[in-house]
Amino acid sequence: MRLIRGVAGAVLWILAAVLGLVAVILCVTVLLLPLGIPLLGLSRRLFTQGVRLMLPRSVAHPVKSAQESAGRRRDKTAAVSKEAVARVAKGARRSGLSSRRRSRWTFWKRAH
């Protein structure tokens, strides 16, 4: 997949270079200037798209990759915290029973 993206980016880059050259030639002729300026903008966009295809996904789309990793971390944290809450609740139930038993034993021992 990475190789295909790299080749597609290189082809797009070459196409953008040729289109940019044609756009510059059109801009030199004053009559075709209105046609050359939009082609120059299209050429610039094709250059950036070609470079994005050649770069790794985390570099090309840093916001998307950060959101995805944050979502994975959120899910993992939610699972860990759910387990921790269950563990604490279980420990609280156990300690609550033992403290009640302990207080009954202390009360009974003092009374007799």
PDB file of N, CA and C in Angstrom:
ATOM      1  N   MET A   1       0.827  -1.195   0.000  1.00  0.00           N
ATOM      2  CA  MET A   1       0.000   0.000   0.000  1.00  0.00           C
ATOM      3  C   MET A   1       0.867   1.254   0.000  1.00  0.00           C
ATOM      4  N   ARG A   2       1.943   1.193   0.773  1.00  0.00           N
ATOM      5  CA  ARG A   2       2.816   2.348   0.857  1.00  0.00           C
ATOM      6  C   ARG A   2       3.500   2.612  -0.484  1.00  0.00           C
ATOM      7  N   LEU A   3       3.869   1.524  -1.172  1.00  0.00           N
ATOM      8  CA  LEU A   3       4.517   1.653  -2.473  1.00  0.00           C
ATOM      9  C   LEU A   3       3.562   2.255  -3.506  1.00  0.00           C
ATOM     10  N   ILE A   4       2.317   1.801  -3.471  1.00  0.00           N
ATOM     11  CA  ILE A   4       1.311   2.324  -4.411  1.00  0.00           C
ATOM     12  C   ILE A   4       1.075   3.810  -4.174  1.00  0.00           C
ATOM     13  N   ARG A   5       0.990   4.189  -2.895  1.00  0.00           N
ATOM     14  CA  ARG A   5       0.800   5.611  -2.586  1.00  0.00           C
ATOM     15  C   ARG A   5       1.999   6.437  -3.035  1.00  0.00           C
ATOM     16  N   GLY A   6       3.196   5.899  -2.870  1.00  0.00           N
ATOM     17  CA  GLY A   6       4.400   6.611  -3.290  1.00  0.00           C
ATOM     18  C   GLY A   6       4.460   6.798  -4.800  1.00  0.00           C
ATOM     19  N   VAL A   7       4.119   5.750  -5.548  1.00  0.00           N
ATOM     20  CA  VAL A   7       4.126   5.838  -7.008  1.00  0.00           C
ATOM     21  C   VAL A   7       3.044   6.815  -7.480  1.00  0.00           C
ATOM     22  N   ALA A   8       1.869   6.740  -6.886  1.00  0.00           N
ATOM     23  CA  ALA A   8       0.796   7.669  -7.257  1.00  0.00           C
ATOM     24  C   ALA A   8       1.198   9.115  -6.952  1.00  0.00           C
ATOM     25  N   GLY A   9       1.865   9.323  -5.825  1.00  0.00           N
ATOM     26  CA  GLY A   9       2.325  10.663  -5.479  1.00  0.00           C
ATOM     27  C   GLY A   9       3.364  11.174  -6.464  1.00  0.00           C
ATOM     28  N   ALA A  10       4.269  10.291  -6.890  1.00  0.00           N
ATOM     29  CA  ALA A  10       5.300  10.694  -7.857  1.00  0.00           C
ATOM     30  C   ALA A  10       4.683  11.044  -9.210  1.00  0.00           C
ATOM     31  N   VAL A  11       3.724  10.231  -9.657  1.00  0.00           N
ATOM     32  CA  VAL A  11       3.050  10.509 -10.934  1.00  0.00           C
ATOM     33  C   VAL A  11       2.286  11.829 -10.855  1.00  0.00           C
ATOM     34  N   LEU A  12       1.618  12.048  -9.733  1.00  0.00           N
ATOM     35  CA  LEU A  12       0.877  13.299  -9.553  1.00  0.00           C
ATOM     36  C   LEU A  12       1.820  14.491  -9.519  1.00  0.00           C
ATOM     37  N   TRP A  13       2.979  14.308  -8.935  1.00  0.00           N
ATOM     38  CA  TRP A  13       3.979  15.366  -8.848  1.00  0.00           C
ATOM     39  C   TRP A  13       4.494  15.726 -10.242  1.00  0.00           C
ATOM     40  N   ILE A  14       4.766  14.717 -11.066  1.00  0.00           N
ATOM     41  CA  ILE A  14       5.230  14.954 -12.443  1.00  0.00           C
ATOM     42  C   ILE A  14       4.141  15.653 -13.257  1.00  0.00           C
ATOM     43  N   LEU A  15       2.901  15.207 -13.099  1.00  0.00           N
ATOM     44  CA  LEU A  15       1.775  15.838 -13.786  1.00  0.00           C
ATOM     45  C   LEU A  15       1.628  17.303 -13.370  1.00  0.00           C
ATOM     46  N   ALA A  16       1.815  17.573 -12.094  1.00  0.00           N
ATOM     47  CA  ALA A  16       1.717  18.951 -11.603  1.00  0.00           C
ATOM     48  C   ALA A  16       2.839  19.808 -12.165  1.00  0.00           C
ATOM     49  N   ALA A  17       4.029  19.229 -12.317  1.00  0.00           N
ATOM     50  CA  ALA A  17       5.152  19.990 -12.873  1.00  0.00           C
ATOM     51  C   ALA A  17       4.890  20.361 -14.334  1.00  0.00           C
ATOM     52  N   VAL A  18       4.387  19.408 -15.100  1.00  0.00           N
ATOM     53  CA  VAL A  18       4.076  19.683 -16.513  1.00  0.00           C
ATOM     54  C   VAL A  18       2.965  20.729 -16.626  1.00  0.00           C
ATOM     55  N   LEU A  19       1.921  20.576 -15.790  1.00  0.00           N
ATOM     56  CA  LEU A  19       0.816  21.527 -15.806  1.00  0.00           C
ATOM     57  C   LEU A  19       1.271  22.914 -15.371  1.00  0.00           C
ATOM     58  N   GLY A  20       2.190  22.967 -14.403  1.00  0.00           N
ATOM     59  CA  GLY A  20       2.738  24.253 -13.974  1.00  0.00           C
ATOM     60  C   GLY A  20       3.543  24.919 -15.072  1.00  0.00           C
ATOM     61  N   LEU A  21       4.301  24.122 -15.815  1.00  0.00           N
ATOM     62  CA  LEU A  21       5.071  24.679 -16.931  1.00  0.00           C
ATOM     63  C   LEU A  21       4.147  25.245 -18.011  1.00  0.00           C
ATOM     64  N   VAL A  22       3.089  24.517 -18.336  1.00  0.00           N
ATOM     65  CA  VAL A  22       2.107  25.012 -19.306  1.00  0.00           C
ATOM     66  C   VAL A  22       1.441  26.288 -18.788  1.00  0.00           C
ATOM     67  N   ALA A  23       1.140  26.323 -17.502  1.00  0.00           N
ATOM     68  CA  ALA A  23       0.497  27.506 -16.919  1.00  0.00           C
ATOM     69  C   ALA A  23       1.417  28.718 -16.977  1.00  0.00           C
ATOM     70  N   VAL A  24       2.709  28.516 -16.732  1.00  0.00           N
ATOM     71  CA  VAL A  24       3.656  29.639 -16.797  1.00  0.00           C
ATOM     72  C   VAL A  24       3.764  30.148 -18.228  1.00  0.00           C
ATOM     73  N   ILE A  25       3.798  29.230 -19.202  1.00  0.00           N
ATOM     74  CA  ILE A  25       3.854  29.653 -20.610  1.00  0.00           C
ATOM     75  C   ILE A  25       2.587  30.425 -20.979  1.00  0.00           C
ATOM     76  N   LEU A  26       1.426  29.974 -20.485  1.00  0.00           N
ATOM     77  CA  LEU A  26       0.181  30.700 -20.759  1.00  0.00           C
ATOM     78  C   LEU A  26       0.171  32.073 -20.095  1.00  0.00           C
ATOM     79  N   CYS A  27       0.783  32.164 -18.908  1.00  0.00           N
ATOM     80  CA  CYS A  27       0.817  33.462 -18.216  1.00  0.00           C
ATOM     81  C   CYS A  27       1.746  34.458 -18.919  1.00  0.00           C
ATOM     82  N   VAL A  28       2.743  33.939 -19.634  1.00  0.00           N
ATOM     83  CA  VAL A  28       3.659  34.838 -20.349  1.00  0.00           C
ATOM     84  C   VAL A  28       2.922  35.554 -21.472  1.00  0.00           C
ATOM     85  N   THR A  29       2.056  34.844 -22.161  1.00  0.00           N
ATOM     86  CA  THR A  29       1.254  35.500 -23.194  1.00  0.00           C
ATOM     87  C   THR A  29       0.118  36.247 -22.509  1.00  0.00           C
ATOM     88  N   VAL A  30       0.057  37.518 -22.749  1.00  0.00           N
ATOM     89  CA  VAL A  30      -0.870  38.383 -22.028  1.00  0.00           C
ATOM     90  C   VAL A  30      -2.323  38.019 -22.313  1.00  0.00           C
ATOM     91  N   LEU A  31      -2.618  37.577 -23.521  1.00  0.00           N
ATOM     92  CA  LEU A  31      -4.002  37.251 -23.874  1.00  0.00           C
ATOM     93  C   LEU A  31      -4.520  36.007 -23.129  1.00  0.00           C
ATOM     94  N   LEU A  32      -3.636  35.073 -22.854  1.00  0.00           N
ATOM     95  CA  LEU A  32      -4.064  33.833 -22.187  1.00  0.00           C
ATOM     96  C   LEU A  32      -3.819  33.863 -20.674  1.00  0.00           C
ATOM     97  N   LEU A  33      -3.544  35.030 -20.130  1.00  0.00           N
ATOM     98  CA  LEU A  33      -3.313  35.170 -18.689  1.00  0.00           C
ATOM     99  C   LEU A  33      -4.497  34.684 -17.846  1.00  0.00           C
ATOM    100  N   PRO A  34      -5.755  34.985 -18.229  1.00  0.00           N
ATOM    101  CA  PRO A  34      -6.874  34.484 -17.421  1.00  0.00           C
ATOM    102  C   PRO A  34      -6.975  32.951 -17.397  1.00  0.00           C
ATOM    103  N   LEU A  35      -6.406  32.302 -18.379  1.00  0.00           N
ATOM    104  CA  LEU A  35      -6.402  30.845 -18.383  1.00  0.00           C
ATOM    105  C   LEU A  35      -5.202  30.285 -17.620  1.00  0.00           C
ATOM    106  N   GLY A  36      -4.098  31.003 -17.618  1.00  0.00           N
ATOM    107  CA  GLY A  36      -2.876  30.524 -16.968  1.00  0.00           C
ATOM    108  C   GLY A  36      -2.913  30.590 -15.452  1.00  0.00           C
ATOM    109  N   ILE A  37      -3.558  31.622 -14.907  1.00  0.00           N
ATOM    110  CA  ILE A  37      -3.586  31.788 -13.446  1.00  0.00           C
ATOM    111  C   ILE A  37      -4.359  30.648 -12.756  1.00  0.00           C
ATOM    112  N   PRO A  38      -5.560  30.276 -13.214  1.00  0.00           N
ATOM    113  CA  PRO A  38      -6.233  29.136 -12.569  1.00  0.00           C
ATOM    114  C   PRO A  38      -5.467  27.819 -12.733  1.00  0.00           C
ATOM    115  N   LEU A  39      -4.795  27.639 -13.895  1.00  0.00           N
ATOM    116  CA  LEU A  39      -3.999  26.425 -14.077  1.00  0.00           C
ATOM    117  C   LEU A  39      -2.808  26.388 -13.127  1.00  0.00           C
ATOM    118  N   LEU A  40      -2.253  27.536 -12.825  1.00  0.00           N
ATOM    119  CA  LEU A  40      -1.152  27.608 -11.867  1.00  0.00           C
ATOM    120  C   LEU A  40      -1.638  27.210 -10.466  1.00  0.00           C
ATOM    121  N   GLY A  41      -2.840  27.653 -10.101  1.00  0.00           N
ATOM    122  CA  GLY A  41      -3.423  27.258  -8.809  1.00  0.00           C
ATOM    123  C   GLY A  41      -3.699  25.760  -8.746  1.00  0.00           C
ATOM    124  N   LEU A  42      -4.199  25.213  -9.858  1.00  0.00           N
ATOM    125  CA  LEU A  42      -4.442  23.774  -9.917  1.00  0.00           C
ATOM    126  C   LEU A  42      -3.141  22.991  -9.808  1.00  0.00           C
ATOM    127  N   SER A  43      -2.113  23.504 -10.450  1.00  0.00           N
ATOM    128  CA  SER A  43      -0.808  22.866 -10.386  1.00  0.00           C
ATOM    129  C   SER A  43      -0.272  22.854  -8.946  1.00  0.00           C
ATOM    130  N   ARG A  44      -0.446  23.941  -8.240  1.00  0.00           N
ATOM    131  CA  ARG A  44       0.000  24.017  -6.838  1.00  0.00           C
ATOM    132  C   ARG A  44      -0.738  23.003  -5.979  1.00  0.00           C
ATOM    133  N   ARG A  45      -2.059  22.881  -6.183  1.00  0.00           N
ATOM    134  CA  ARG A  45      -2.842  21.911  -5.411  1.00  0.00           C
ATOM    135  C   ARG A  45      -2.427  20.477  -5.721  1.00  0.00           C
ATOM    136  N   LEU A  46      -2.110  20.212  -7.007  1.00  0.00           N
ATOM    137  CA  LEU A  46      -1.643  18.873  -7.367  1.00  0.00           C
ATOM    138  C   LEU A  46      -0.289  18.567  -6.738  1.00  0.00           C
ATOM    139  N   PHE A  47       0.594  19.566  -6.660  1.00  0.00           N
ATOM    140  CA  PHE A  47       1.877  19.375  -5.978  1.00  0.00           C
ATOM    141  C   PHE A  47       1.662  18.975  -4.517  1.00  0.00           C
ATOM    142  N   THR A  48       0.831  19.716  -3.818  1.00  0.00           N
ATOM    143  CA  THR A  48       0.614  19.415  -2.397  1.00  0.00           C
ATOM    144  C   THR A  48      -0.035  18.044  -2.210  1.00  0.00           C
ATOM    145  N   GLN A  49      -0.962  17.680  -3.076  1.00  0.00           N
ATOM    146  CA  GLN A  49      -1.604  16.362  -2.972  1.00  0.00           C
ATOM    147  C   GLN A  49      -0.593  15.245  -3.237  1.00  0.00           C
ATOM    148  N   GLY A  50       0.300  15.461  -4.200  1.00  0.00           N
ATOM    149  CA  GLY A  50       1.336  14.470  -4.484  1.00  0.00           C
ATOM    150  C   GLY A  50       2.283  14.281  -3.316  1.00  0.00           C
ATOM    151  N   VAL A  51       2.668  15.370  -2.677  1.00  0.00           N
ATOM    152  CA  VAL A  51       3.546  15.280  -1.511  1.00  0.00           C
ATOM    153  C   VAL A  51       2.830  14.583  -0.362  1.00  0.00           C
ATOM    154  N   ARG A  52       1.564  14.874  -0.157  1.00  0.00           N
ATOM    155  CA  ARG A  52       0.805  14.214   0.901  1.00  0.00           C
ATOM    156  C   ARG A  52       0.708  12.707   0.683  1.00  0.00           C
ATOM    157  N   LEU A  53       0.593  12.305  -0.575  1.00  0.00           N
ATOM    158  CA  LEU A  53       0.535  10.872  -0.863  1.00  0.00           C
ATOM    159  C   LEU A  53       1.864  10.189  -0.567  1.00  0.00           C
ATOM    160  N   MET A  54       2.964  10.904  -0.747  1.00  0.00           N
ATOM    161  CA  MET A  54       4.271  10.300  -0.493  1.00  0.00           C
ATOM    162  C   MET A  54       4.626  10.252   0.988  1.00  0.00           C
ATOM    163  N   LEU A  55       4.077  11.127   1.778  1.00  0.00           N
ATOM    164  CA  LEU A  55       4.397  11.168   3.204  1.00  0.00           C
ATOM    165  C   LEU A  55       3.609  10.103   3.975  1.00  0.00           C
ATOM    166  N   PRO A  56       4.114   9.685   5.141  1.00  0.00           N
ATOM    167  CA  PRO A  56       3.321   8.779   5.985  1.00  0.00           C
ATOM    168  C   PRO A  56       2.035   9.452   6.449  1.00  0.00           C
ATOM    169  N   ARG A  57       1.057   8.650   6.805  1.00  0.00           N
ATOM    170  CA  ARG A  57      -0.260   9.182   7.145  1.00  0.00           C
ATOM    171  C   ARG A  57      -0.214  10.101   8.366  1.00  0.00           C
ATOM    172  N   SER A  58       0.607   9.763   9.350  1.00  0.00           N
ATOM    173  CA  SER A  58       0.665  10.587  10.557  1.00  0.00           C
ATOM    174  C   SER A  58       1.254  11.966  10.285  1.00  0.00           C
ATOM    175  N   VAL A  59       2.095  12.088   9.270  1.00  0.00           N
ATOM    176  CA  VAL A  59       2.674  13.389   8.917  1.00  0.00           C
ATOM    177  C   VAL A  59       1.724  14.154   8.001  1.00  0.00           C
ATOM    178  N   ALA A  60       1.071  13.433   7.087  1.00  0.00           N
ATOM    179  CA  ALA A  60       0.179  14.089   6.132  1.00  0.00           C
ATOM    180  C   ALA A  60      -1.098  14.596   6.795  1.00  0.00           C
ATOM    181  N   HIS A  61      -1.624  13.836   7.749  1.00  0.00           N
ATOM    182  CA  HIS A  61      -2.859  14.206   8.450  1.00  0.00           C
ATOM    183  C   HIS A  61      -2.641  14.129   9.957  1.00  0.00           C
ATOM    184  N   PRO A  62      -1.932  15.089  10.557  1.00  0.00           N
ATOM    185  CA  PRO A  62      -1.619  14.976  11.982  1.00  0.00           C
ATOM    186  C   PRO A  62      -2.843  15.077  12.890  1.00  0.00           C
ATOM    187  N   VAL A  63      -3.836  15.840  12.483  1.00  0.00           N
ATOM    188  CA  VAL A  63      -5.018  16.005  13.335  1.00  0.00           C
ATOM    189  C   VAL A  63      -5.821  14.710  13.372  1.00  0.00           C
ATOM    190  N   LYS A  64      -6.017  14.083  12.217  1.00  0.00           N
ATOM    191  CA  LYS A  64      -6.774  12.828  12.170  1.00  0.00           C
ATOM    192  C   LYS A  64      -6.091  11.741  12.984  1.00  0.00           C
ATOM    193  N   SER A  65      -4.778  11.618  12.820  1.00  0.00           N
ATOM    194  CA  SER A  65      -4.076  10.564  13.548  1.00  0.00           C
ATOM    195  C   SER A  65      -4.090  10.853  15.049  1.00  0.00           C
ATOM    196  N   ALA A  66      -4.027  12.122  15.435  1.00  0.00           N
ATOM    197  CA  ALA A  66      -4.084  12.453  16.859  1.00  0.00           C
ATOM    198  C   ALA A  66      -5.466  12.150  17.431  1.00  0.00           C
ATOM    199  N   GLN A  67      -6.517  12.440  16.673  1.00  0.00           N
ATOM    200  CA  GLN A  67      -7.870  12.139  17.145  1.00  0.00           C
ATOM    201  C   GLN A  67      -8.080  10.642  17.292  1.00  0.00           C
ATOM    202  N   GLU A  68      -7.563   9.862  16.348  1.00  0.00           N
ATOM    203  CA  GLU A  68      -7.729   8.410  16.423  1.00  0.00           C
ATOM    204  C   GLU A  68      -6.981   7.834  17.607  1.00  0.00           C
ATOM    205  N   SER A  69      -5.748   8.304  17.840  1.00  0.00           N
ATOM    206  CA  SER A  69      -4.990   7.777  18.972  1.00  0.00           C
ATOM    207  C   SER A  69      -5.609   8.229  20.292  1.00  0.00           C
ATOM    208  N   ALA A  70      -6.170   9.438  20.320  1.00  0.00           N
ATOM    209  CA  ALA A  70      -6.844   9.899  21.537  1.00  0.00           C
ATOM    210  C   ALA A  70      -8.092   9.065  21.803  1.00  0.00           C
ATOM    211  N   GLY A  71      -8.800   8.690  20.743  1.00  0.00           N
ATOM    212  CA  GLY A  71      -9.977   7.833  20.904  1.00  0.00           C
ATOM    213  C   GLY A  71      -9.604   6.467  21.443  1.00  0.00           C
ATOM    214  N   ARG A  72      -8.499   5.898  20.938  1.00  0.00           N
ATOM    215  CA  ARG A  72      -8.045   4.596  21.457  1.00  0.00           C
ATOM    216  C   ARG A  72      -7.638   4.714  22.917  1.00  0.00           C
ATOM    217  N   ARG A  73      -6.941   5.796  23.267  1.00  0.00           N
ATOM    218  CA  ARG A  73      -6.531   5.987  24.664  1.00  0.00           C
ATOM    219  C   ARG A  73      -7.757   6.167  25.559  1.00  0.00           C
ATOM    220  N   ARG A  74      -8.764   6.886  25.060  1.00  0.00           N
ATOM    221  CA  ARG A  74      -9.978   7.103  25.842  1.00  0.00           C
ATOM    222  C   ARG A  74     -10.676   5.775  26.116  1.00  0.00           C
ATOM    223  N   ASP A  75     -10.785   4.939  25.091  1.00  0.00           N
ATOM    224  CA  ASP A  75     -11.434   3.648  25.273  1.00  0.00           C
ATOM    225  C   ASP A  75     -10.665   2.776  26.263  1.00  0.00           C
ATOM    226  N   LYS A  76      -9.333   2.792  26.147  1.00  0.00           N
ATOM    227  CA  LYS A  76      -8.513   1.993  27.058  1.00  0.00           C
ATOM    228  C   LYS A  76      -8.632   2.511  28.482  1.00  0.00           C
ATOM    229  N   THR A  77      -8.635   3.828  28.648  1.00  0.00           N
ATOM    230  CA  THR A  77      -8.762   4.422  29.985  1.00  0.00           C
ATOM    231  C   THR A  77     -10.127   4.103  30.583  1.00  0.00           C
ATOM    232  N   ALA A  78     -11.166   4.143  29.775  1.00  0.00           N
ATOM    233  CA  ALA A  78     -12.509   3.826  30.265  1.00  0.00           C
ATOM    234  C   ALA A  78     -12.578   2.388  30.749  1.00  0.00           C
ATOM    235  N   ALA A  79     -11.968   1.474  30.015  1.00  0.00           N
ATOM    236  CA  ALA A  79     -11.983   0.069  30.420  1.00  0.00           C
ATOM    237  C   ALA A  79     -11.199  -0.138  31.706  1.00  0.00           C
ATOM    238  N   VAL A  80     -10.032   0.500  31.805  1.00  0.00           N
ATOM    239  CA  VAL A  80      -9.213   0.353  33.009  1.00  0.00           C
ATOM    240  C   VAL A  80      -9.910   0.969  34.216  1.00  0.00           C
ATOM    241  N   SER A  81     -10.521   2.143  34.031  1.00  0.00           N
ATOM    242  CA  SER A  81     -11.190   2.786  35.160  1.00  0.00           C
ATOM    243  C   SER A  81     -12.420   1.997  35.594  1.00  0.00           C
ATOM    244  N   LYS A  82     -13.107   1.366  34.659  1.00  0.00           N
ATOM    245  CA  LYS A  82     -14.267   0.549  35.011  1.00  0.00           C
ATOM    246  C   LYS A  82     -13.835  -0.635  35.878  1.00  0.00           C
ATOM    247  N   GLU A  83     -12.709  -1.253  35.495  1.00  0.00           N
ATOM    248  CA  GLU A  83     -12.185  -2.356  36.294  1.00  0.00           C
ATOM    249  C   GLU A  83     -11.748  -1.862  37.669  1.00  0.00           C
ATOM    250  N   ALA A  84     -11.121  -0.698  37.730  1.00  0.00           N
ATOM    251  CA  ALA A  84     -10.656  -0.157  39.003  1.00  0.00           C
ATOM    252  C   ALA A  84     -11.830   0.164  39.922  1.00  0.00           C
ATOM    253  N   VAL A  85     -12.895   0.713  39.362  1.00  0.00           N
ATOM    254  CA  VAL A  85     -14.084   1.020  40.171  1.00  0.00           C
ATOM    255  C   VAL A  85     -14.687  -0.260  40.722  1.00  0.00           C
ATOM    256  N   ALA A  86     -14.742  -1.289  39.893  1.00  0.00           N
ATOM    257  CA  ALA A  86     -15.290  -2.566  40.361  1.00  0.00           C
ATOM    258  C   ALA A  86     -14.424  -3.145  41.472  1.00  0.00           C
ATOM    259  N   ARG A  87     -13.093  -3.057  41.328  1.00  0.00           N
ATOM    260  CA  ARG A  87     -12.187  -3.559  42.358  1.00  0.00           C
ATOM    261  C   ARG A  87     -12.351  -2.787  43.664  1.00  0.00           C
ATOM    262  N   VAL A  88     -12.452  -1.470  43.582  1.00  0.00           N
ATOM    263  CA  VAL A  88     -12.603  -0.644  44.786  1.00  0.00           C
ATOM    264  C   VAL A  88     -13.941  -0.922  45.458  1.00  0.00           C
ATOM    265  N   ALA A  89     -14.997  -1.072  44.660  1.00  0.00           N
ATOM    266  CA  ALA A  89     -16.313  -1.354  45.229  1.00  0.00           C
ATOM    267  C   ALA A  89     -16.324  -2.699  45.941  1.00  0.00           C
ATOM    268  N   LYS A  90     -15.662  -3.679  45.340  1.00  0.00           N
ATOM    269  CA  LYS A  90     -15.592  -4.996  45.966  1.00  0.00           C
ATOM    270  C   LYS A  90     -14.811  -4.918  47.270  1.00  0.00           C
ATOM    271  N   GLY A  91     -13.711  -4.190  47.245  1.00  0.00           N
ATOM    272  CA  GLY A  91     -12.921  -4.026  48.472  1.00  0.00           C
ATOM    273  C   GLY A  91     -13.686  -3.269  49.541  1.00  0.00           C
ATOM    274  N   ALA A  92     -14.472  -2.280  49.124  1.00  0.00           N
ATOM    275  CA  ALA A  92     -15.257  -1.511  50.092  1.00  0.00           C
ATOM    276  C   ALA A  92     -16.338  -2.385  50.724  1.00  0.00           C
ATOM    277  N   ARG A  93     -16.951  -3.237  49.921  1.00  0.00           N
ATOM    278  CA  ARG A  93     -17.967  -4.138  50.469  1.00  0.00           C
ATOM    279  C   ARG A  93     -17.340  -5.086  51.484  1.00  0.00           C
ATOM    280  N   ARG A  94     -16.176  -5.621  51.134  1.00  0.00           N
ATOM    281  CA  ARG A  94     -15.512  -6.554  52.046  1.00  0.00           C
ATOM    282  C   ARG A  94     -15.077  -5.861  53.326  1.00  0.00           C
ATOM    283  N   SER A  95     -14.468  -4.692  53.185  1.00  0.00           N
ATOM    284  CA  SER A  95     -13.996  -3.998  54.385  1.00  0.00           C
ATOM    285  C   SER A  95     -15.173  -3.511  55.218  1.00  0.00           C
ATOM    286  N   GLY A  96     -16.278  -3.169  54.571  1.00  0.00           N
ATOM    287  CA  GLY A  96     -17.460  -2.746  55.321  1.00  0.00           C
ATOM    288  C   GLY A  96     -18.016  -3.872  56.165  1.00  0.00           C
ATOM    289  N   LEU A  97     -18.064  -5.066  55.623  1.00  0.00           N
ATOM    290  CA  LEU A  97     -18.546  -6.211  56.392  1.00  0.00           C
ATOM    291  C   LEU A  97     -17.619  -6.526  57.543  1.00  0.00           C
ATOM    292  N   SER A  98     -16.329  -6.519  57.278  1.00  0.00           N
ATOM    293  CA  SER A  98     -15.402  -6.880  58.336  1.00  0.00           C
ATOM    294  C   SER A  98     -15.392  -5.815  59.432  1.00  0.00           C
ATOM    295  N   SER A  99     -15.539  -4.544  59.065  1.00  0.00           N
ATOM    296  CA  SER A  99     -15.543  -3.514  60.108  1.00  0.00           C
ATOM    297  C   SER A  99     -16.820  -3.611  60.945  1.00  0.00           C
ATOM    298  N   ARG A 100     -17.956  -3.969  60.301  1.00  0.00           N
ATOM    299  CA  ARG A 100     -19.174  -4.160  61.080  1.00  0.00           C
ATOM    300  C   ARG A 100     -19.021  -5.325  62.041  1.00  0.00           C
ATOM    301  N   ARG A 101     -18.457  -6.416  61.546  1.00  0.00           N
ATOM    302  CA  ARG A 101     -18.238  -7.564  62.420  1.00  0.00           C
ATOM    303  C   ARG A 101     -17.291  -7.206  63.558  1.00  0.00           C
ATOM    304  N   ARG A 102     -16.235  -6.455  63.216  1.00  0.00           N
ATOM    305  CA  ARG A 102     -15.266  -6.059  64.215  1.00  0.00           C
ATOM    306  C   ARG A 102     -15.917  -5.173  65.270  1.00  0.00           C
ATOM    307  N   SER A 103     -16.762  -4.244  64.836  1.00  0.00           N
ATOM    308  CA  SER A 103     -17.404  -3.354  65.806  1.00  0.00           C
ATOM    309  C   SER A 103     -18.392  -4.124  66.679  1.00  0.00           C
ATOM    310  N   ARG A 104     -19.075  -5.116  66.137  1.00  0.00           N
ATOM    311  CA  ARG A 104     -19.966  -5.938  66.962  1.00  0.00           C
ATOM    312  C   ARG A 104     -19.175  -6.717  68.005  1.00  0.00           C
ATOM    313  N   TRP A 105     -18.051  -7.287  67.555  1.00  0.00           N
ATOM    314  CA  TRP A 105     -17.227  -8.071  68.484  1.00  0.00           C
ATOM    315  C   TRP A 105     -16.688  -7.181  69.594  1.00  0.00           C
ATOM    316  N   THR A 106     -16.240  -5.956  69.254  1.00  0.00           N
ATOM    317  CA  THR A 106     -15.722  -5.036  70.260  1.00  0.00           C
ATOM    318  C   THR A 106     -16.839  -4.632  71.214  1.00  0.00           C
ATOM    319  N   PHE A 107     -18.027  -4.360  70.713  1.00  0.00           N
ATOM    320  CA  PHE A 107     -19.138  -3.976  71.547  1.00  0.00           C
ATOM    321  C   PHE A 107     -19.519  -5.138  72.492  1.00  0.00           C
ATOM    322  N   TRP A 108     -19.575  -6.359  71.966  1.00  0.00           N
ATOM    323  CA  TRP A 108     -19.928  -7.514  72.772  1.00  0.00           C
ATOM    324  C   TRP A 108     -18.876  -7.787  73.831  1.00  0.00           C
ATOM    325  N   LYS A 109     -17.607  -7.610  73.453  1.00  0.00           N
ATOM    326  CA  LYS A 109     -16.508  -7.865  74.387  1.00  0.00           C
ATOM    327  C   LYS A 109     -16.544  -6.866  75.532  1.00  0.00           C
ATOM    328  N   ARG A 110     -16.850  -5.596  75.261  1.00  0.00           N
ATOM    329  CA  ARG A 110     -16.909  -4.587  76.312  1.00  0.00           C
ATOM    330  C   ARG A 110     -18.131  -4.788  77.204  1.00  0.00           C
ATOM    331  N   ALA A 111     -19.201  -5.262  76.605  1.00  0.00           N
ATOM    332  CA  ALA A 111     -20.420  -5.436  77.381  1.00  0.00           C
ATOM    333  C   ALA A 111     -20.298  -6.603  78.346  1.00  0.00           C
ATOM    334  N   HIS A 112     -19.563  -7.619  78.025  1.00  0.00           N
ATOM    335  CA  HIS A 112     -19.472  -8.811  78.908  1.00  0.00           C
ATOM    336  C   HIS A 112     -18.221  -8.876  79.616  1.00  0.00           C
TER     337      HIS A 112
END
